[in-house]
Structure formats: structure tokens, C-alpha cells
Amino acid sequence: MNIATRFSGFNDKECDRILVAGNLGYIGPVLTKYLKISKPQCTLVGYDTGYFSGCLTNPLETTDEFLSLQIYGDVRDVRSEQLHGIDCAIYLAAISNDPMGQRYAVATNEINNLAAVRFASLAKAAGIRSFVYASSCSIYGDGGGEIKDERSAPSPLTTYAKSKLECEVQLKALASDEFFVTCMRFATACGASPRLRLDLVLNDFVASAIVNGEIEILSDGTPWRPLIDVEEMCRALTWAMDRRDASAGHFLALNVGYNDWNFTIADLAYLVRDTMNGITVKINNSASPDRRTYKVDFSLYTSLNENSKIRKPIEMTIRELTTCIESCECKLSDFRQSHLIRLNVLNSLRNANRVDSNLRWLRNSSSAKVPTGSTY
């Protein structure tokens, strides 16, 4: 399945002027290319503070060339004039997992929640018609045995999950006939990207299999996790950006993924083993159960988005990850200490005195090389 085939089947609104906040992370480079292929005449604007701009799997592959404009700036400081003329905004910016959320709790709430609400308020005032927010199925937290749909009560356990849920609540009040708001409660991301992350469960398992020839699970392997390939996330974001049917609501918060991509942690490890061959799986059967377990129902999303039926099998995601990881120029043997783990990057910036404890760039630091709103 080639890239053009994967990205086919979209409603091409050629005049769209699209801003992606957080475009220099894991999803952003895939989305940038995705949008440019599906909407060749669109204008793409990136807005990013640049924490992870250098975290390239391959320095020669970025997809940044598809952007019409790159704005370097902290989403907490976005100005209204930077949003004028934009039709649609996609908010990917986030401190994006539990370890980072625990280490940088204040910044997590500010960026994932408070700044997103302010960003959406300014977007509405600027005449932007569609605001798409990347939320998370982690809001279900301690899911117990119940399969979670959109009517299920959330039970967020971490700073990251709480920030996502609190933002959803505030965004709902902004939605109107002229301003569609869509909160995408994504399953756990996986798959290849020019700015790869290896702090995601499937990506970590594939890297471990390549480096060590085995996957060691520190838990008992029983927690449930729904997964979604990063390319399918881009398909979903594009659909959400373009949706105009008010019957689904001017505000829509929905689970985004696929029912047959709910896996236990052990299931995932065995899938990697069976796809890659010759891999050993070790499970700590005596470990205490992980409370972060949730199985999710994605029926509403697949009923609303007819293009969601075009997708690849998880074995292809694993094979593409294998190729991507094997092409990395960093020392794979040290991948958990590398820039492919996002917490390592933030800690390195902090230790080098380039950002403060709240992850704001230190402009007066002699070691700081700070993006300050420049564009290309």
C-alpha cells in the first residue's frame, strides 16, 4: 500500500488555510505530508515551540518542506493576529505522556489545558470555523472490566489524563454554529514517523525486539490498551477538521480508534514476536496489576467517518516501525537514553539551562538557542 493510496478518499477543499499547533512532534510531520497530499492547494502553517524539532529519525527526512509557514512560539503566548486568515486549527501541542506529566505537572496543565482553551477562544474570535483538539482515551484511566464508550464516566489517574479531560470540558462552552469543536480521544499512538517516539508501548516493544532480541514486560501483561497507527490519526484529524454536519453536534468528543485494535500488553508483545520471528517475551507474572487499563468502544467514530474503514493491519505497522527504527542514526543500544524518549529531551533542555522549571525558554541564558517567533 503506497502513500498516495493511503491518503486517498478525502474531500479536497483546496482553499483551506490550516494551522497545526505542535507540528514538530511525533504526529505533526506525518500529518503535514498527509494534508498536503490530500489537499494539494491548501496552505499549511506550523506553530511550535521547538522542543523536539531536532528529534529526527533521519536528518534528511522531516516533511517540514510541505509547510507554507513555520511559526516558532509557545502556545501559551499565541497572539490573535497569528490566527487571522486561518480556516481550521488542529491542536496537537502537548506534554504528551504520564512520565512527562508527572515531572512537569504545571507545564502539562498549562499547555494541554489552559493554553488550548485560550488558543480556541482566540481562534473563534479570529473567525476560524473548525478547532480540532487531540485528546486521549487515557481519560478513562481505571477502566475496570467495562468497555468504555462516550457515555462512560471518565476516571483519569494522571496529570496528563486530567489535563485532557479538563480541557474538553472548557472547550465545549466555546462551540457554536460558526465554530465546530472536535475533541479526538485517541487510542495510544504507534507507528513510524520522521520524529519517532519510542516511549509508546508498541514502538518500545519493536525497538526492544530489534536491540535485545526480546521484550521484557515489567507488569503482569494483563492491562488493556487501545492502539491507533499515526497515519490513521491523521485520517481522523482530517475528517474532524472538515466535518460540517451539525447532527453530530457543534461540539463532539469521541473515541478515535478501532474496536479490533484493543489489546492487552501481553497480546501486543506476542504480536511483535510473531511478526518479527525469533523474539522472546518475558512477563513479570508476580507484578502488581496496573490500574491504567481500559478497553474502548470506537463504534461512534467508525459510524461517523466512512473513510475510517480504509486502514492497514497492525502487522504492517510493526514492519514499518522495524524499518524506521533500523534506519535511525542514533545508537539503538541506548534508545531509552536517547532523544527518541521525549522526557529525556525535556530533561536535557532543563539541565542545560535552556528552559526553566515550567518549560519556558530562557532567553538570557548563554546556552539557550531559542526560537522567538521566527518564520520561514
Protein backbone atom coordinates (compact mmCIF):
# COMPACT_ATOMS: atom_id res chain seq x y z
CA MET A 1 0.00 0.00 0.00
CA ASN A 2 1.75 3.19 -1.17
CA ILE A 3 1.43 6.61 0.43
CA ALA A 4 -0.88 8.02 -2.23
CA THR A 5 -3.29 5.12 -1.77
CA ARG A 6 -3.30 5.50 2.00
CA PHE A 7 -4.13 9.18 1.75
CA SER A 8 -6.80 8.89 -0.93
CA GLY A 9 -10.51 9.21 -0.47
CA PHE A 10 -10.76 12.67 1.06
CA ASN A 11 -12.94 15.68 0.37
CA ASP A 12 -10.39 18.06 -1.15
CA LYS A 13 -11.16 21.63 -0.04
CA GLU A 14 -8.33 23.25 -1.94
CA CYS A 15 -8.62 26.70 -0.40
CA ASP A 16 -8.17 25.55 3.22
CA ARG A 17 -5.68 27.51 5.30
CA ILE A 18 -4.75 25.11 8.09
CA LEU A 19 -2.73 25.78 11.22
CA VAL A 20 -1.23 22.85 13.13
CA ALA A 21 -0.11 23.67 16.67
CA GLY A 22 2.57 21.25 17.80
CA ASN A 23 3.56 20.31 14.27
CA LEU A 24 7.19 19.48 15.13
CA GLY A 25 6.37 16.50 17.32
CA TYR A 26 5.60 12.86 16.57
CA ILE A 27 2.26 13.20 14.75
CA GLY A 28 2.88 16.56 13.10
CA PRO A 29 5.35 15.52 10.37
CA VAL A 30 3.08 12.68 9.26
CA LEU A 31 0.05 14.99 9.32
CA THR A 32 1.85 17.69 7.33
CA LYS A 33 2.56 15.31 4.48
CA TYR A 34 -0.89 13.76 4.78
CA LEU A 35 -2.66 17.10 4.43
CA LYS A 36 -0.52 18.23 1.52
CA ILE A 37 -1.23 15.03 -0.41
CA SER A 38 -4.97 15.08 0.30
CA LYS A 39 -5.31 18.86 -0.19
CA PRO A 40 -2.57 19.87 -2.65
CA GLN A 41 -3.60 23.54 -2.82
CA CYS A 42 -4.00 24.09 0.91
CA THR A 43 -1.85 26.49 2.88
CA LEU A 44 -0.18 24.82 5.87
CA VAL A 45 1.06 26.81 8.84
CA GLY A 46 3.01 25.21 11.67
CA TYR A 47 3.13 26.61 15.19
CA ASP A 48 5.58 25.01 17.60
CA THR A 49 7.96 25.98 20.38
CA GLY A 50 10.65 23.65 19.02
CA TYR A 51 11.39 21.35 21.97
CA PHE A 52 11.53 18.33 19.66
CA SER A 53 12.37 19.91 16.32
CA GLY A 54 15.78 18.20 16.27
CA CYS A 55 14.49 14.76 17.26
CA LEU A 56 14.73 13.37 13.76
CA THR A 57 14.86 9.68 12.98
CA ASN A 58 16.69 10.55 9.77
CA PRO A 59 18.10 14.10 9.42
CA LEU A 60 17.31 14.04 5.70
CA GLU A 61 13.59 13.35 6.24
CA THR A 62 11.43 15.93 8.02
CA THR A 63 8.37 16.70 5.78
CA ASP A 64 8.74 20.31 7.01
CA GLU A 65 9.17 21.35 3.38
CA PHE A 66 5.41 20.92 2.90
CA LEU A 67 4.72 23.88 5.19
CA SER A 68 3.98 27.31 3.76
CA LEU A 69 4.99 28.95 7.04
CA GLN A 70 6.57 27.86 10.32
CA ILE A 71 5.94 29.98 13.40
CA TYR A 72 8.19 29.26 16.38
CA GLY A 73 6.37 30.17 19.56
CA ASP A 74 5.00 28.85 22.83
CA VAL A 75 1.27 28.03 22.55
CA ARG A 76 0.84 29.72 25.91
CA ASP A 77 1.77 33.00 24.21
CA VAL A 78 -0.10 32.77 20.89
CA ARG A 79 -1.33 36.15 19.64
CA SER A 80 -4.66 36.74 17.95
CA GLU A 81 -3.06 38.23 14.82
CA GLN A 82 -1.21 34.95 14.25
CA LEU A 83 -4.57 33.24 13.74
CA HIS A 84 -6.20 35.66 11.33
CA GLY A 85 -6.83 34.24 7.88
CA ILE A 86 -6.80 30.64 9.12
CA ASP A 87 -9.80 28.39 8.33
CA CYS A 88 -9.05 25.41 10.56
CA ALA A 89 -6.80 24.79 13.55
CA ILE A 90 -5.54 21.44 14.81
CA TYR A 91 -4.12 21.47 18.34
CA LEU A 92 -1.54 18.69 18.77
CA ALA A 93 0.63 20.66 21.21
CA ALA A 94 1.04 18.74 24.47
CA ILE A 95 3.28 17.42 27.17
CA SER A 96 2.33 14.07 25.92
CA ASN A 97 2.65 11.19 28.35
CA ASP A 98 2.43 10.24 32.02
CA PRO A 99 6.17 10.42 32.93
CA MET A 100 6.48 13.90 31.42
CA GLY A 101 3.23 14.95 33.08
CA GLN A 102 4.49 13.81 36.45
CA ARG A 103 7.85 15.56 36.05
CA TYR A 104 6.43 18.80 34.62
CA ALA A 105 2.93 18.95 36.12
CA VAL A 106 2.40 22.71 35.94
CA ALA A 107 3.52 22.96 32.32
CA THR A 108 1.38 19.95 31.43
CA ASN A 109 -1.78 21.62 32.68
CA GLU A 110 -0.85 24.94 31.11
CA ILE A 111 -0.04 23.56 27.65
CA ASN A 112 -2.54 20.70 27.42
CA ASN A 113 -5.43 22.53 29.03
CA LEU A 114 -5.23 26.27 29.75
CA ALA A 115 -3.32 27.27 26.61
CA ALA A 116 -5.54 25.09 24.41
CA VAL A 117 -8.68 26.79 25.73
CA ARG A 118 -7.16 30.23 25.22
CA PHE A 119 -5.98 29.19 21.75
CA ALA A 120 -9.50 28.05 20.85
CA SER A 121 -11.03 31.27 22.20
CA LEU A 122 -8.71 33.35 20.05
CA ALA A 123 -9.38 31.07 17.09
CA LYS A 124 -13.12 31.59 17.43
CA ALA A 125 -12.70 35.36 17.66
CA ALA A 126 -10.47 35.27 14.55
CA GLY A 127 -13.20 33.57 12.52
CA ILE A 128 -11.67 30.09 12.39
CA ARG A 129 -14.51 27.69 11.64
CA SER A 130 -13.11 24.41 12.97
CA PHE A 131 -10.96 23.59 16.00
CA VAL A 132 -9.70 20.04 16.50
CA TYR A 133 -8.17 19.03 19.82
CA ALA A 134 -6.06 15.90 20.28
CA SER A 135 -7.44 14.38 23.47
CA SER A 136 -6.84 10.85 24.79
CA CYS A 137 -8.55 7.63 25.79
CA SER A 138 -6.39 7.81 28.93
CA ILE A 139 -9.18 9.89 30.45
CA TYR A 140 -10.89 6.55 31.19
CA GLY A 141 -7.97 5.60 33.44
CA ASP A 142 -9.06 2.84 35.78
CA GLY A 143 -11.48 1.25 33.36
CA GLY A 144 -12.22 -1.96 35.23
CA GLY A 145 -13.97 -4.57 33.13
CA GLU A 146 -16.38 -2.24 31.34
CA ILE A 147 -15.85 -1.36 27.68
CA LYS A 148 -15.75 2.43 27.55
CA ASP A 149 -17.85 4.43 25.12
CA GLU A 150 -18.54 8.16 25.06
CA ARG A 151 -21.29 7.79 27.72
CA SER A 152 -18.91 6.15 30.20
CA ALA A 153 -17.75 8.13 33.21
CA PRO A 154 -14.09 9.21 32.90
CA SER A 155 -11.65 8.22 35.63
CA PRO A 156 -8.33 9.97 34.84
CA LEU A 157 -5.45 8.81 37.01
CA THR A 158 -2.57 11.03 35.91
CA THR A 159 -1.74 14.71 35.40
CA TYR A 160 -1.67 14.13 31.65
CA ALA A 161 -5.10 12.47 31.54
CA LYS A 162 -6.66 15.05 33.87
CA SER A 163 -5.36 17.91 31.72
CA LYS A 164 -7.00 16.41 28.64
CA LEU A 165 -10.37 15.91 30.30
CA GLU A 166 -10.42 19.37 31.89
CA CYS A 167 -9.69 20.93 28.52
CA GLU A 168 -12.59 19.08 26.89
CA VAL A 169 -14.97 20.50 29.49
CA GLN A 170 -13.86 24.08 28.79
CA LEU A 171 -13.86 23.68 25.01
CA LYS A 172 -17.47 22.55 24.98
CA ALA A 173 -18.61 26.01 26.07
CA LEU A 174 -16.95 27.59 23.01
CA ALA A 175 -18.68 25.52 20.32
CA SER A 176 -21.33 27.20 18.17
CA ASP A 177 -22.93 27.16 14.73
CA GLU A 178 -19.92 29.05 13.38
CA PHE A 179 -17.25 27.27 15.44
CA PHE A 180 -17.14 23.49 15.37
CA VAL A 181 -15.05 21.91 18.13
CA THR A 182 -13.99 18.27 17.91
CA CYS A 183 -12.12 16.51 20.73
CA MET A 184 -10.47 13.34 19.47
CA ARG A 185 -9.99 10.85 22.31
CA PHE A 186 -7.22 8.96 20.59
CA ALA A 187 -6.15 5.46 21.40
CA THR A 188 -2.44 5.06 22.19
CA ALA A 189 -0.42 6.17 19.18
CA CYS A 190 2.02 3.89 17.37
CA GLY A 191 3.83 3.68 14.06
CA ALA A 192 6.64 5.25 12.08
CA SER A 193 7.31 9.00 11.92
CA PRO A 194 10.16 11.29 10.86
CA ARG A 195 10.23 12.38 14.52
CA LEU A 196 9.82 8.96 16.03
CA ARG A 197 8.96 8.36 19.69
CA LEU A 198 10.00 5.18 21.44
CA ASP A 199 8.19 5.98 24.70
CA LEU A 200 4.96 4.47 23.31
CA VAL A 201 4.16 0.87 24.12
CA LEU A 202 4.22 -0.76 20.69
CA ASN A 203 7.11 1.39 19.47
CA ASP A 204 9.08 0.43 22.59
CA PHE A 205 8.37 -3.28 22.06
CA VAL A 206 9.60 -3.18 18.46
CA ALA A 207 12.76 -1.30 19.46
CA SER A 208 13.40 -3.77 22.26
CA ALA A 209 12.95 -6.67 19.88
CA ILE A 210 15.46 -5.16 17.44
CA VAL A 211 18.06 -4.24 20.07
CA ASN A 212 17.74 -7.08 22.56
CA GLY A 213 16.01 -9.88 20.68
CA GLU A 214 13.43 -9.94 23.47
CA ILE A 215 10.61 -7.98 25.05
CA GLU A 216 10.53 -7.75 28.82
CA ILE A 217 7.20 -6.71 30.32
CA LEU A 218 7.57 -5.35 33.84
CA SER A 219 3.84 -5.64 34.58
CA ASP A 220 1.78 -8.83 34.54
CA GLY A 221 0.77 -8.08 30.93
CA THR A 222 -2.98 -8.00 31.62
CA PRO A 223 -3.82 -4.25 31.25
CA TRP A 224 -5.81 -3.32 28.16
CA ARG A 225 -4.66 -0.63 25.75
CA PRO A 226 -6.34 0.50 22.54
CA LEU A 227 -3.89 1.44 19.77
CA ILE A 228 -4.04 3.56 16.62
CA ASP A 229 -1.45 3.98 13.88
CA VAL A 230 -0.23 7.56 13.45
CA GLU A 231 -1.41 7.57 9.83
CA GLU A 232 -4.92 6.65 10.96
CA MET A 233 -4.74 9.52 13.44
CA CYS A 234 -4.07 11.84 10.51
CA ARG A 235 -7.05 10.42 8.63
CA ALA A 236 -9.21 11.09 11.69
CA LEU A 237 -7.88 14.62 12.21
CA THR A 238 -8.60 15.48 8.58
CA TRP A 239 -12.15 14.16 8.89
CA ALA A 240 -12.72 16.13 12.09
CA MET A 241 -11.38 19.32 10.55
CA ASP A 242 -13.72 19.00 7.57
CA ARG A 243 -16.89 17.84 9.33
CA ARG A 244 -19.85 20.16 8.75
CA ASP A 245 -22.83 18.01 9.75
CA ALA A 246 -24.36 19.64 12.82
CA SER A 247 -26.35 16.48 13.56
CA ALA A 248 -23.22 15.13 15.29
CA GLY A 249 -23.06 18.31 17.35
CA HIS A 250 -21.15 21.57 17.14
CA PHE A 251 -19.13 20.10 19.98
CA LEU A 252 -18.12 16.48 19.61
CA ALA A 253 -15.91 14.44 21.93
CA LEU A 254 -15.44 10.92 20.66
CA ASN A 255 -13.21 7.90 20.99
CA VAL A 256 -10.95 7.51 17.96
CA GLY A 257 -9.56 4.10 17.10
CA TYR A 258 -10.82 0.66 16.11
CA ASN A 259 -12.55 -2.00 18.18
CA ASP A 260 -10.26 -4.76 16.92
CA TRP A 261 -7.19 -2.75 17.98
CA ASN A 262 -7.89 -3.22 21.70
CA PHE A 263 -5.04 -5.35 23.04
CA THR A 264 -3.64 -6.47 26.34
CA ILE A 265 0.01 -5.56 26.88
CA ALA A 266 0.89 -9.26 26.60
CA ASP A 267 -1.08 -9.53 23.33
CA LEU A 268 0.99 -6.71 21.85
CA ALA A 269 4.26 -8.35 22.84
CA TYR A 270 3.21 -11.63 21.25
CA LEU A 271 2.11 -9.83 18.08
CA VAL A 272 5.58 -8.29 17.77
CA ARG A 273 7.16 -11.70 18.45
CA ASP A 274 5.05 -13.42 15.79
CA THR A 275 5.60 -10.67 13.20
CA MET A 276 9.36 -10.32 13.71
CA ASN A 277 10.16 -14.01 14.39
CA GLY A 278 12.68 -15.33 16.89
CA ILE A 279 11.80 -12.83 19.64
CA THR A 280 11.48 -13.86 23.29
CA VAL A 281 8.76 -12.40 25.52
CA LYS A 282 9.27 -12.21 29.28
CA ILE A 283 6.38 -11.28 31.58
CA ASN A 284 6.60 -10.49 35.28
CA ASN A 285 3.62 -12.56 36.43
CA SER A 286 4.19 -11.59 40.06
CA ALA A 287 3.88 -7.84 39.39
CA SER A 288 1.06 -5.82 40.93
CA PRO A 289 -1.77 -5.03 38.48
CA ASP A 290 -1.52 -1.73 36.61
CA ARG A 291 -4.64 0.37 37.33
CA ARG A 292 -4.31 2.08 33.95
CA THR A 293 -6.36 -0.41 31.99
CA TYR A 294 -9.20 0.41 29.64
CA LYS A 295 -10.88 -1.26 26.69
CA VAL A 296 -12.63 1.23 24.43
CA ASP A 297 -15.60 1.17 22.06
CA PHE A 298 -14.93 3.14 18.87
CA SER A 299 -18.25 2.43 17.16
CA LEU A 300 -19.39 6.05 17.09
CA TYR A 301 -16.27 7.21 15.26
CA THR A 302 -16.39 4.46 12.65
CA SER A 303 -20.10 5.15 12.06
CA LEU A 304 -19.50 8.87 11.52
CA ASN A 305 -16.37 8.64 9.34
CA GLU A 306 -16.92 6.43 6.32
CA ASN A 307 -13.24 6.68 5.37
CA SER A 308 -12.23 5.04 8.66
CA LYS A 309 -12.73 1.66 7.02
CA ILE A 310 -9.61 2.16 4.88
CA ARG A 311 -6.74 1.07 7.09
CA LYS A 312 -3.79 -1.26 7.39
CA PRO A 313 -3.26 -4.27 9.67
CA ILE A 314 -1.18 -3.95 12.82
CA GLU A 315 1.41 -6.32 11.37
CA MET A 316 2.15 -3.67 8.72
CA THR A 317 2.56 -1.06 11.45
CA ILE A 318 5.09 -3.34 13.15
CA ARG A 319 7.02 -3.92 9.91
CA GLU A 320 7.10 -0.19 9.12
CA LEU A 321 8.30 0.54 12.64
CA THR A 322 11.04 -2.03 12.20
CA THR A 323 12.27 -0.33 9.03
CA CYS A 324 12.06 3.12 10.62
CA ILE A 325 13.91 2.13 13.80
CA GLU A 326 16.62 0.25 11.92
CA SER A 327 17.29 3.40 9.88
CA CYS A 328 17.87 5.55 12.99
CA GLU A 329 21.27 7.18 13.20
CA CYS A 330 21.36 7.17 17.00
CA LYS A 331 22.86 4.24 18.90
CA LEU A 332 19.97 1.83 19.13
CA SER A 333 21.54 0.04 22.07
CA ASP A 334 20.94 3.20 24.13
CA PHE A 335 17.50 4.06 22.80
CA ARG A 336 15.95 4.51 26.26
CA GLN A 337 18.60 7.16 26.97
CA SER A 338 18.24 8.81 23.56
CA HIS A 339 16.32 11.74 22.10
CA LEU A 340 13.69 9.23 20.94
CA ILE A 341 12.35 9.31 24.52
CA ARG A 342 10.66 12.69 24.91
CA LEU A 343 11.24 13.02 28.67
CA ASN A 344 14.99 12.75 28.00
CA VAL A 345 14.77 15.73 25.66
CA LEU A 346 12.93 17.92 28.14
CA ASN A 347 15.30 16.94 30.94
CA SER A 348 18.30 17.71 28.73
CA LEU A 349 16.93 21.16 27.92
CA ARG A 350 16.31 21.78 31.61
CA ASN A 351 19.74 20.51 32.71
CA ALA A 352 21.43 22.68 30.09
CA ASN A 353 19.57 25.72 31.46
CA ARG A 354 17.83 26.29 28.16
CA VAL A 355 14.33 26.09 29.67
CA ASP A 356 13.08 26.89 33.16
CA SER A 357 11.22 24.54 35.51
CA ASN A 358 7.98 25.37 33.71
CA LEU A 359 9.49 24.60 30.28
CA ARG A 360 9.71 28.20 29.14
CA TRP A 361 12.76 29.10 27.08
CA LEU A 362 15.39 31.04 28.99
CA ARG A 363 16.13 33.81 26.53
CA ASN A 364 19.01 35.30 28.51
CA SER A 365 20.85 32.04 29.06
CA SER A 366 24.23 31.85 27.33
CA SER A 367 23.45 28.24 26.43
CA ALA A 368 19.99 28.95 25.05
CA LYS A 369 19.28 28.81 21.35
CA VAL A 370 15.70 29.96 21.43
CA PRO A 371 13.07 30.09 18.67
CA THR A 372 11.44 33.50 19.16
CA GLY A 373 8.64 33.70 16.63
CA SER A 374 10.82 33.44 13.54
CA THR A 375 9.36 32.02 10.35
CA TYR A 376 10.49 30.62 7.07
